[in-house]
């Protein structure tokens, strides 16, 4: 769905939001809701990038033997409040495996 919103955002000056949304069959309210959440998504992406850097650091420090549970425990030991499933997702998406 994000691809549609990106398209609307790029072409809204040329065709107008209402017309593009009508042609694509999506709601204008949905587009504006997506637009309002852009800053939050950017913050989350930055936080994920910082967390991935720490995960890589822990992973290489222990010669690639630490999996999700140990990495999660290390992060918690450093004072991070992070869910194990988030660590698992970030490791999977970034190809970090034990």
PDB file of N, CA and C in Angstrom:
ATOM      1  N   UNK A   1       0.821  -1.197   0.000  1.00  0.00           N
ATOM      2  CA  UNK A   1       0.000   0.000   0.000  1.00  0.00           C
ATOM      3  C   UNK A   1       0.863   1.258   0.000  1.00  0.00           C
ATOM      4  N   UNK A   2       2.039   1.178   0.574  1.00  0.00           N
ATOM      5  CA  UNK A   2       2.910   2.342   0.644  1.00  0.00           C
ATOM      6  C   UNK A   2       3.299   2.850  -0.739  1.00  0.00           C
ATOM      7  N   UNK A   3       3.408   1.942  -1.699  1.00  0.00           N
ATOM      8  CA  UNK A   3       3.745   2.354  -3.058  1.00  0.00           C
ATOM      9  C   UNK A   3       2.707   3.284  -3.646  1.00  0.00           C
ATOM     10  N   UNK A   4       1.459   3.032  -3.342  1.00  0.00           N
ATOM     11  CA  UNK A   4       0.386   3.907  -3.824  1.00  0.00           C
ATOM     12  C   UNK A   4       0.499   5.287  -3.204  1.00  0.00           C
ATOM     13  N   UNK A   5       0.774   5.309  -1.904  1.00  0.00           N
ATOM     14  CA  UNK A   5       0.882   6.607  -1.233  1.00  0.00           C
ATOM     15  C   UNK A   5       2.088   7.373  -1.755  1.00  0.00           C
ATOM     16  N   UNK A   6       3.175   6.670  -2.030  1.00  0.00           N
ATOM     17  CA  UNK A   6       4.349   7.332  -2.611  1.00  0.00           C
ATOM     18  C   UNK A   6       3.999   7.941  -3.959  1.00  0.00           C
ATOM     19  N   UNK A   7       3.240   7.196  -4.759  1.00  0.00           N
ATOM     20  CA  UNK A   7       2.824   7.678  -6.076  1.00  0.00           C
ATOM     21  C   UNK A   7       1.969   8.941  -5.939  1.00  0.00           C
ATOM     22  N   UNK A   8       1.016   8.898  -5.023  1.00  0.00           N
ATOM     23  CA  UNK A   8       0.145  10.058  -4.805  1.00  0.00           C
ATOM     24  C   UNK A   8       0.983  11.247  -4.362  1.00  0.00           C
ATOM     25  N   UNK A   9       1.932  11.024  -3.473  1.00  0.00           N
ATOM     26  CA  UNK A   9       2.762  12.101  -2.961  1.00  0.00           C
ATOM     27  C   UNK A   9       3.602  12.751  -4.062  1.00  0.00           C
ATOM     28  N   UNK A  10       4.129  11.935  -4.956  1.00  0.00           N
ATOM     29  CA  UNK A  10       4.981  12.458  -6.027  1.00  0.00           C
ATOM     30  C   UNK A  10       4.177  13.249  -7.049  1.00  0.00           C
ATOM     31  N   UNK A  11       2.971  12.767  -7.378  1.00  0.00           N
ATOM     32  CA  UNK A  11       2.206  13.353  -8.475  1.00  0.00           C
ATOM     33  C   UNK A  11       1.066  14.270  -8.049  1.00  0.00           C
ATOM     34  N   UNK A  12       0.957  14.558  -6.766  1.00  0.00           N
ATOM     35  CA  UNK A  12      -0.186  15.359  -6.306  1.00  0.00           C
ATOM     36  C   UNK A  12      -0.146  16.789  -6.820  1.00  0.00           C
ATOM     37  N   UNK A  13       1.021  17.338  -7.071  1.00  0.00           N
ATOM     38  CA  UNK A  13       1.099  18.707  -7.585  1.00  0.00           C
ATOM     39  C   UNK A  13       0.590  18.781  -9.032  1.00  0.00           C
ATOM     40  N   UNK A  14       0.788  17.710  -9.784  1.00  0.00           N
ATOM     41  CA  UNK A  14       0.384  17.687 -11.187  1.00  0.00           C
ATOM     42  C   UNK A  14      -1.105  17.406 -11.369  1.00  0.00           C
ATOM     43  N   UNK A  15      -1.639  16.449 -10.600  1.00  0.00           N
ATOM     44  CA  UNK A  15      -3.007  15.987 -10.831  1.00  0.00           C
ATOM     45  C   UNK A  15      -3.969  16.245  -9.685  1.00  0.00           C
ATOM     46  N   UNK A  16      -3.458  16.503  -8.509  1.00  0.00           N
ATOM     47  CA  UNK A  16      -4.313  16.705  -7.342  1.00  0.00           C
ATOM     48  C   UNK A  16      -4.574  15.402  -6.612  1.00  0.00           C
ATOM     49  N   UNK A  17      -4.632  15.487  -5.304  1.00  0.00           N
ATOM     50  CA  UNK A  17      -4.803  14.302  -4.468  1.00  0.00           C
ATOM     51  C   UNK A  17      -6.147  13.633  -4.728  1.00  0.00           C
ATOM     52  N   UNK A  18      -7.192  14.430  -4.831  1.00  0.00           N
ATOM     53  CA  UNK A  18      -8.529  13.857  -5.005  1.00  0.00           C
ATOM     54  C   UNK A  18      -8.612  13.022  -6.281  1.00  0.00           C
ATOM     55  N   UNK A  19      -8.122  13.543  -7.369  1.00  0.00           N
ATOM     56  CA  UNK A  19      -8.200  12.829  -8.649  1.00  0.00           C
ATOM     57  C   UNK A  19      -7.375  11.542  -8.621  1.00  0.00           C
ATOM     58  N   UNK A  20      -6.156  11.610  -8.114  1.00  0.00           N
ATOM     59  CA  UNK A  20      -5.305  10.413  -8.076  1.00  0.00           C
ATOM     60  C   UNK A  20      -5.915   9.345  -7.182  1.00  0.00           C
ATOM     61  N   UNK A  21      -6.420   9.746  -6.030  1.00  0.00           N
ATOM     62  CA  UNK A  21      -7.020   8.779  -5.113  1.00  0.00           C
ATOM     63  C   UNK A  21      -8.252   8.127  -5.723  1.00  0.00           C
ATOM     64  N   UNK A  22      -9.032   8.907  -6.451  1.00  0.00           N
ATOM     65  CA  UNK A  22     -10.220   8.352  -7.096  1.00  0.00           C
ATOM     66  C   UNK A  22      -9.814   7.319  -8.150  1.00  0.00           C
ATOM     67  N   UNK A  23      -8.799   7.626  -8.961  1.00  0.00           N
ATOM     68  CA  UNK A  23      -8.348   6.708 -10.007  1.00  0.00           C
ATOM     69  C   UNK A  23      -7.758   5.431  -9.400  1.00  0.00           C
ATOM     70  N   UNK A  24      -6.985   5.577  -8.328  1.00  0.00           N
ATOM     71  CA  UNK A  24      -6.366   4.418  -7.694  1.00  0.00           C
ATOM     72  C   UNK A  24      -7.333   3.635  -6.808  1.00  0.00           C
ATOM     73  N   UNK A  25      -8.453   4.238  -6.474  1.00  0.00           N
ATOM     74  CA  UNK A  25      -9.428   3.564  -5.617  1.00  0.00           C
ATOM     75  C   UNK A  25      -9.011   3.525  -4.159  1.00  0.00           C
ATOM     76  N   UNK A  26      -8.326   4.576  -3.713  1.00  0.00           N
ATOM     77  CA  UNK A  26      -7.925   4.677  -2.312  1.00  0.00           C
ATOM     78  C   UNK A  26      -8.523   5.952  -1.721  1.00  0.00           C
ATOM     79  N   UNK A  27      -8.558   6.016  -0.402  1.00  0.00           N
ATOM     80  CA  UNK A  27      -9.182   7.175   0.235  1.00  0.00           C
ATOM     81  C   UNK A  27      -8.180   8.310   0.427  1.00  0.00           C
ATOM     82  N   UNK A  28      -8.675   9.522   0.324  1.00  0.00           N
ATOM     83  CA  UNK A  28      -7.831  10.691   0.589  1.00  0.00           C
ATOM     84  C   UNK A  28      -7.432  10.725   2.047  1.00  0.00           C
ATOM     85  N   UNK A  29      -8.351  10.345   2.908  1.00  0.00           N
ATOM     86  CA  UNK A  29      -8.049  10.348   4.343  1.00  0.00           C
ATOM     87  C   UNK A  29      -6.891   9.402   4.643  1.00  0.00           C
ATOM     88  N   UNK A  30      -6.872   8.269   3.972  1.00  0.00           N
ATOM     89  CA  UNK A  30      -5.772   7.323   4.141  1.00  0.00           C
ATOM     90  C   UNK A  30      -4.448   7.921   3.728  1.00  0.00           C
ATOM     91  N   UNK A  31      -4.455   8.670   2.622  1.00  0.00           N
ATOM     92  CA  UNK A  31      -3.231   9.321   2.165  1.00  0.00           C
ATOM     93  C   UNK A  31      -2.742  10.330   3.188  1.00  0.00           C
ATOM     94  N   UNK A  32      -3.642  11.167   3.679  1.00  0.00           N
ATOM     95  CA  UNK A  32      -3.231  12.192   4.646  1.00  0.00           C
ATOM     96  C   UNK A  32      -2.804  11.572   5.974  1.00  0.00           C
ATOM     97  N   UNK A  33      -3.396  10.448   6.348  1.00  0.00           N
ATOM     98  CA  UNK A  33      -2.982   9.739   7.553  1.00  0.00           C
ATOM     99  C   UNK A  33      -1.554   9.191   7.360  1.00  0.00           C
ATOM    100  N   UNK A  34      -1.286   8.643   6.165  1.00  0.00           N
ATOM    101  CA  UNK A  34       0.050   8.143   5.846  1.00  0.00           C
ATOM    102  C   UNK A  34       1.061   9.293   5.869  1.00  0.00           C
ATOM    103  N   UNK A  35       0.661  10.431   5.321  1.00  0.00           N
ATOM    104  CA  UNK A  35       1.539  11.595   5.269  1.00  0.00           C
ATOM    105  C   UNK A  35       1.862  12.095   6.679  1.00  0.00           C
ATOM    106  N   UNK A  36       0.900  12.078   7.570  1.00  0.00           N
ATOM    107  CA  UNK A  36       1.101  12.538   8.942  1.00  0.00           C
ATOM    108  C   UNK A  36       2.033  11.605   9.708  1.00  0.00           C
ATOM    109  N   UNK A  37       2.060  10.342   9.346  1.00  0.00           N
ATOM    110  CA  UNK A  37       2.902   9.370  10.043  1.00  0.00           C
ATOM    111  C   UNK A  37       4.306   9.264   9.493  1.00  0.00           C
ATOM    112  N   UNK A  38       4.662  10.067   8.501  1.00  0.00           N
ATOM    113  CA  UNK A  38       5.979   9.971   7.871  1.00  0.00           C
ATOM    114  C   UNK A  38       7.111  10.232   8.863  1.00  0.00           C
ATOM    115  N   UNK A  39       6.948  11.215   9.712  1.00  0.00           N
ATOM    116  CA  UNK A  39       7.999  11.540  10.683  1.00  0.00           C
ATOM    117  C   UNK A  39       8.195  10.395  11.671  1.00  0.00           C
ATOM    118  N   UNK A  40       7.100   9.800  12.100  1.00  0.00           N
ATOM    119  CA  UNK A  40       7.171   8.681  13.042  1.00  0.00           C
ATOM    120  C   UNK A  40       7.877   7.491  12.405  1.00  0.00           C
ATOM    121  N   UNK A  41       7.550   7.218  11.136  1.00  0.00           N
ATOM    122  CA  UNK A  41       8.210   6.113  10.438  1.00  0.00           C
ATOM    123  C   UNK A  41       9.701   6.370  10.284  1.00  0.00           C
ATOM    124  N   UNK A  42      10.085   7.604  10.025  1.00  0.00           N
ATOM    125  CA  UNK A  42      11.497   7.949   9.885  1.00  0.00           C
ATOM    126  C   UNK A  42      12.236   7.767  11.211  1.00  0.00           C
ATOM    127  N   UNK A  43      11.602   8.156  12.317  1.00  0.00           N
ATOM    128  CA  UNK A  43      12.207   7.973  13.636  1.00  0.00           C
ATOM    129  C   UNK A  43      12.388   6.491  13.948  1.00  0.00           C
ATOM    130  N   UNK A  44      11.375   5.701  13.624  1.00  0.00           N
ATOM    131  CA  UNK A  44      11.433   4.263  13.881  1.00  0.00           C
ATOM    132  C   UNK A  44      12.545   3.624  13.057  1.00  0.00           C
ATOM    133  N   UNK A  45      12.667   4.047  11.792  1.00  0.00           N
ATOM    134  CA  UNK A  45      13.711   3.517  10.917  1.00  0.00           C
ATOM    135  C   UNK A  45      15.096   3.863  11.471  1.00  0.00           C
ATOM    136  N   UNK A  46      15.258   5.082  11.968  1.00  0.00           N
ATOM    137  CA  UNK A  46      16.540   5.502  12.545  1.00  0.00           C
ATOM    138  C   UNK A  46      16.856   4.690  13.799  1.00  0.00           C
ATOM    139  N   UNK A  47      15.841   4.458  14.627  1.00  0.00           N
ATOM    140  CA  UNK A  47      16.038   3.663  15.839  1.00  0.00           C
ATOM    141  C   UNK A  47      16.403   2.226  15.480  1.00  0.00           C
ATOM    142  N   UNK A  48      15.756   1.682  14.464  1.00  0.00           N
ATOM    143  CA  UNK A  48      16.074   0.324  14.017  1.00  0.00           C
ATOM    144  C   UNK A  48      17.501   0.247  13.494  1.00  0.00           C
ATOM    145  N   UNK A  49      17.929   1.248  12.743  1.00  0.00           N
ATOM    146  CA  UNK A  49      19.291   1.265  12.208  1.00  0.00           C
ATOM    147  C   UNK A  49      20.322   1.305  13.339  1.00  0.00           C
ATOM    148  N   UNK A  50      20.044   2.107  14.356  1.00  0.00           N
ATOM    149  CA  UNK A  50      20.958   2.186  15.496  1.00  0.00           C
ATOM    150  C   UNK A  50      21.005   0.858  16.241  1.00  0.00           C
ATOM    151  N   UNK A  51      19.850   0.222  16.381  1.00  0.00           N
ATOM    152  CA  UNK A  51      19.785  -1.066  17.072  1.00  0.00           C
ATOM    153  C   UNK A  51      20.501  -2.145  16.268  1.00  0.00           C
ATOM    154  N   UNK A  52      20.375  -2.118  14.960  1.00  0.00           N
ATOM    155  CA  UNK A  52      21.072  -3.091  14.115  1.00  0.00           C
ATOM    156  C   UNK A  52      22.579  -2.929  14.257  1.00  0.00           C
ATOM    157  N   UNK A  53      23.042  -1.701  14.365  1.00  0.00           N
ATOM    158  CA  UNK A  53      24.473  -1.468  14.553  1.00  0.00           C
ATOM    159  C   UNK A  53      24.955  -2.104  15.856  1.00  0.00           C
ATOM    160  N   UNK A  54      24.173  -1.972  16.909  1.00  0.00           N
ATOM    161  CA  UNK A  54      24.544  -2.584  18.187  1.00  0.00           C
ATOM    162  C   UNK A  54      24.467  -4.103  18.113  1.00  0.00           C
ATOM    163  N   UNK A  55      23.457  -4.608  17.413  1.00  0.00           N
ATOM    164  CA  UNK A  55      23.321  -6.060  17.261  1.00  0.00           C
ATOM    165  C   UNK A  55      24.533  -6.610  16.514  1.00  0.00           C
ATOM    166  N   UNK A  56      24.941  -5.931  15.447  1.00  0.00           N
ATOM    167  CA  UNK A  56      26.125  -6.376  14.685  1.00  0.00           C
ATOM    168  C   UNK A  56      27.376  -6.358  15.566  1.00  0.00           C
ATOM    169  N   UNK A  57      27.482  -5.341  16.392  1.00  0.00           N
ATOM    170  CA  UNK A  57      28.625  -5.225  17.293  1.00  0.00           C
ATOM    171  C   UNK A  57      28.674  -6.401  18.264  1.00  0.00           C
ATOM    172  N   UNK A  58      27.549  -6.714  18.881  1.00  0.00           N
ATOM    173  CA  UNK A  58      27.472  -7.841  19.824  1.00  0.00           C
ATOM    174  C   UNK A  58      27.757  -9.144  19.088  1.00  0.00           C
ATOM    175  N   UNK A  59      27.188  -9.283  17.905  1.00  0.00           N
ATOM    176  CA  UNK A  59      27.326 -10.509  17.128  1.00  0.00           C
ATOM    177  C   UNK A  59      28.782 -10.753  16.743  1.00  0.00           C
ATOM    178  N   UNK A  60      29.470  -9.723  16.291  1.00  0.00           N
ATOM    179  CA  UNK A  60      30.869  -9.897  15.897  1.00  0.00           C
ATOM    180  C   UNK A  60      31.785 -10.036  17.108  1.00  0.00           C
ATOM    181  N   UNK A  61      31.439  -9.365  18.192  1.00  0.00           N
ATOM    182  CA  UNK A  61      32.233  -9.466  19.421  1.00  0.00           C
ATOM    183  C   UNK A  61      32.293 -10.908  19.913  1.00  0.00           C
ATOM    184  N   UNK A  62      31.219 -11.634  19.697  1.00  0.00           N
ATOM    185  CA  UNK A  62      31.146 -13.029  20.151  1.00  0.00           C
ATOM    186  C   UNK A  62      31.338 -13.999  18.996  1.00  0.00           C
ATOM    187  N   UNK A  63      32.033 -13.552  17.962  1.00  0.00           N
ATOM    188  CA  UNK A  63      32.434 -14.364  16.810  1.00  0.00           C
ATOM    189  C   UNK A  63      31.271 -15.049  16.103  1.00  0.00           C
ATOM    190  N   UNK A  64      30.121 -14.385  16.090  1.00  0.00           N
ATOM    191  CA  UNK A  64      28.965 -14.898  15.351  1.00  0.00           C
ATOM    192  C   UNK A  64      28.270 -16.069  15.992  1.00  0.00           C
ATOM    193  N   UNK A  65      28.551 -16.335  17.258  1.00  0.00           N
ATOM    194  CA  UNK A  65      27.931 -17.491  17.909  1.00  0.00           C
ATOM    195  C   UNK A  65      26.636 -17.134  18.634  1.00  0.00           C
ATOM    196  N   UNK A  66      26.409 -15.861  18.902  1.00  0.00           N
ATOM    197  CA  UNK A  66      25.209 -15.466  19.629  1.00  0.00           C
ATOM    198  C   UNK A  66      24.015 -15.397  18.692  1.00  0.00           C
ATOM    199  N   UNK A  67      22.937 -16.036  19.119  1.00  0.00           N
ATOM    200  CA  UNK A  67      21.689 -15.979  18.378  1.00  0.00           C
ATOM    201  C   UNK A  67      20.783 -14.907  18.957  1.00  0.00           C
ATOM    202  N   UNK A  68      19.521 -14.990  18.609  1.00  0.00           N
ATOM    203  CA  UNK A  68      18.546 -13.974  19.003  1.00  0.00           C
ATOM    204  C   UNK A  68      18.454 -13.840  20.520  1.00  0.00           C
ATOM    205  N   UNK A  69      18.348 -14.956  21.208  1.00  0.00           N
ATOM    206  CA  UNK A  69      18.131 -14.899  22.658  1.00  0.00           C
ATOM    207  C   UNK A  69      19.317 -14.302  23.401  1.00  0.00           C
ATOM    208  N   UNK A  70      20.519 -14.675  23.021  1.00  0.00           N
ATOM    209  CA  UNK A  70      21.688 -14.129  23.708  1.00  0.00           C
ATOM    210  C   UNK A  70      21.905 -12.664  23.350  1.00  0.00           C
ATOM    211  N   UNK A  71      21.682 -12.321  22.082  1.00  0.00           N
ATOM    212  CA  UNK A  71      21.814 -10.913  21.683  1.00  0.00           C
ATOM    213  C   UNK A  71      20.799 -10.077  22.443  1.00  0.00           C
ATOM    214  N   UNK A  72      19.569 -10.591  22.533  1.00  0.00           N
ATOM    215  CA  UNK A  72      18.514  -9.886  23.273  1.00  0.00           C
ATOM    216  C   UNK A  72      18.919  -9.704  24.730  1.00  0.00           C
ATOM    217  N   UNK A  73      19.474 -10.745  25.331  1.00  0.00           N
ATOM    218  CA  UNK A  73      19.899 -10.663  26.728  1.00  0.00           C
ATOM    219  C   UNK A  73      21.019  -9.634  26.894  1.00  0.00           C
ATOM    220  N   UNK A  74      21.947  -9.593  25.944  1.00  0.00           N
ATOM    221  CA  UNK A  74      23.032  -8.597  25.997  1.00  0.00           C
ATOM    222  C   UNK A  74      22.463  -7.186  25.914  1.00  0.00           C
ATOM    223  N   UNK A  75      21.543  -6.970  24.989  1.00  0.00           N
ATOM    224  CA  UNK A  75      20.932  -5.649  24.840  1.00  0.00           C
ATOM    225  C   UNK A  75      20.214  -5.240  26.114  1.00  0.00           C
ATOM    226  N   UNK A  76      19.482  -6.186  26.708  1.00  0.00           N
ATOM    227  CA  UNK A  76      18.794  -5.893  27.965  1.00  0.00           C
ATOM    228  C   UNK A  76      19.807  -5.580  29.061  1.00  0.00           C
ATOM    229  N   UNK A  77      20.929  -6.284  29.047  1.00  0.00           N
ATOM    230  CA  UNK A  77      21.989  -6.036  30.023  1.00  0.00           C
ATOM    231  C   UNK A  77      22.595  -4.648  29.886  1.00  0.00           C
ATOM    232  N   UNK A  78      22.591  -4.120  28.667  1.00  0.00           N
ATOM    233  CA  UNK A  78      23.096  -2.769  28.420  1.00  0.00           C
ATOM    234  C   UNK A  78      22.055  -1.709  28.733  1.00  0.00           C
ATOM    235  N   UNK A  79      20.859  -2.133  29.151  1.00  0.00           N
ATOM    236  CA  UNK A  79      19.832  -1.179  29.548  1.00  0.00           C
ATOM    237  C   UNK A  79      18.808  -0.858  28.479  1.00  0.00           C
ATOM    238  N   UNK A  80      18.844  -1.559  27.349  1.00  0.00           N
ATOM    239  CA  UNK A  80      17.853  -1.321  26.299  1.00  0.00           C
ATOM    240  C   UNK A  80      16.545  -2.021  26.651  1.00  0.00           C
ATOM    241  N   UNK A  81      15.448  -1.336  26.437  1.00  0.00           N
ATOM    242  CA  UNK A  81      14.142  -1.959  26.580  1.00  0.00           C
ATOM    243  C   UNK A  81      13.689  -2.319  25.171  1.00  0.00           C
ATOM    244  N   UNK A  82      13.902  -3.568  24.808  1.00  0.00           N
ATOM    245  CA  UNK A  82      13.602  -4.002  23.447  1.00  0.00           C
ATOM    246  C   UNK A  82      12.982  -5.391  23.489  1.00  0.00           C
ATOM    247  N   UNK A  83      12.021  -5.609  22.621  1.00  0.00           N
ATOM    248  CA  UNK A  83      11.328  -6.878  22.546  1.00  0.00           C
ATOM    249  C   UNK A  83      12.184  -7.891  21.790  1.00  0.00           C
ATOM    250  N   UNK A  84      12.154  -9.136  22.227  1.00  0.00           N
ATOM    251  CA  UNK A  84      12.919 -10.191  21.571  1.00  0.00           C
ATOM    252  C   UNK A  84      12.496 -10.373  20.123  1.00  0.00           C
ATOM    253  N   UNK A  85      11.208 -10.227  19.854  1.00  0.00           N
ATOM    254  CA  UNK A  85      10.717 -10.393  18.488  1.00  0.00           C
ATOM    255  C   UNK A  85      11.244  -9.302  17.563  1.00  0.00           C
ATOM    256  N   UNK A  86      11.449  -8.114  18.101  1.00  0.00           N
ATOM    257  CA  UNK A  86      12.027  -7.033  17.298  1.00  0.00           C
ATOM    258  C   UNK A  86      13.478  -7.356  16.959  1.00  0.00           C
ATOM    259  N   UNK A  87      14.214  -7.850  17.942  1.00  0.00           N
ATOM    260  CA  UNK A  87      15.596  -8.257  17.700  1.00  0.00           C
ATOM    261  C   UNK A  87      15.632  -9.364  16.650  1.00  0.00           C
ATOM    262  N   UNK A  88      14.729 -10.315  16.784  1.00  0.00           N
ATOM    263  CA  UNK A  88      14.653 -11.422  15.826  1.00  0.00           C
ATOM    264  C   UNK A  88      14.378 -10.908  14.414  1.00  0.00           C
ATOM    265  N   UNK A  89      13.432  -9.998  14.270  1.00  0.00           N
ATOM    266  CA  UNK A  89      13.085  -9.446  12.959  1.00  0.00           C
ATOM    267  C   UNK A  89      14.261  -8.684  12.361  1.00  0.00           C
ATOM    268  N   UNK A  90      14.913  -7.860  13.167  1.00  0.00           N
ATOM    269  CA  UNK A  90      16.041  -7.081  12.660  1.00  0.00           C
ATOM    270  C   UNK A  90      17.208  -7.980  12.254  1.00  0.00           C
ATOM    271  N   UNK A  91      17.443  -9.025  13.021  1.00  0.00           N
ATOM    272  CA  UNK A  91      18.512  -9.947  12.656  1.00  0.00           C
ATOM    273  C   UNK A  91      18.172 -10.687  11.370  1.00  0.00           C
ATOM    274  N   UNK A  92      16.939 -11.105  11.233  1.00  0.00           N
ATOM    275  CA  UNK A  92      16.519 -11.844  10.028  1.00  0.00           C
ATOM    276  C   UNK A  92      16.588 -10.956   8.796  1.00  0.00           C
ATOM    277  N   UNK A  93      16.056  -9.742   8.897  1.00  0.00           N
ATOM    278  CA  UNK A  93      16.020  -8.822   7.748  1.00  0.00           C
ATOM    279  C   UNK A  93      17.436  -8.437   7.310  1.00  0.00           C
ATOM    280  N   UNK A  94      18.350  -8.324   8.267  1.00  0.00           N
ATOM    281  CA  UNK A  94      19.709  -7.900   7.957  1.00  0.00           C
ATOM    282  C   UNK A  94      20.682  -9.056   7.765  1.00  0.00           C
ATOM    283  N   UNK A  95      20.169 -10.271   7.767  1.00  0.00           N
ATOM    284  CA  UNK A  95      21.006 -11.441   7.490  1.00  0.00           C
ATOM    285  C   UNK A  95      22.021 -11.758   8.565  1.00  0.00           C
ATOM    286  N   UNK A  96      21.690 -11.469   9.802  1.00  0.00           N
ATOM    287  CA  UNK A  96      22.596 -11.758  10.925  1.00  0.00           C
ATOM    288  C   UNK A  96      22.131 -13.077  11.542  1.00  0.00           C
ATOM    289  N   UNK A  97      22.959 -14.096  11.429  1.00  0.00           N
ATOM    290  CA  UNK A  97      22.599 -15.395  12.006  1.00  0.00           C
ATOM    291  C   UNK A  97      23.769 -15.975  12.776  1.00  0.00           C
ATOM    292  N   UNK A  98      23.428 -16.849  13.726  1.00  0.00           N
ATOM    293  CA  UNK A  98      24.495 -17.456  14.518  1.00  0.00           C
ATOM    294  C   UNK A  98      24.983 -18.727  13.860  1.00  0.00           C
TER     295      UNK A  98
END
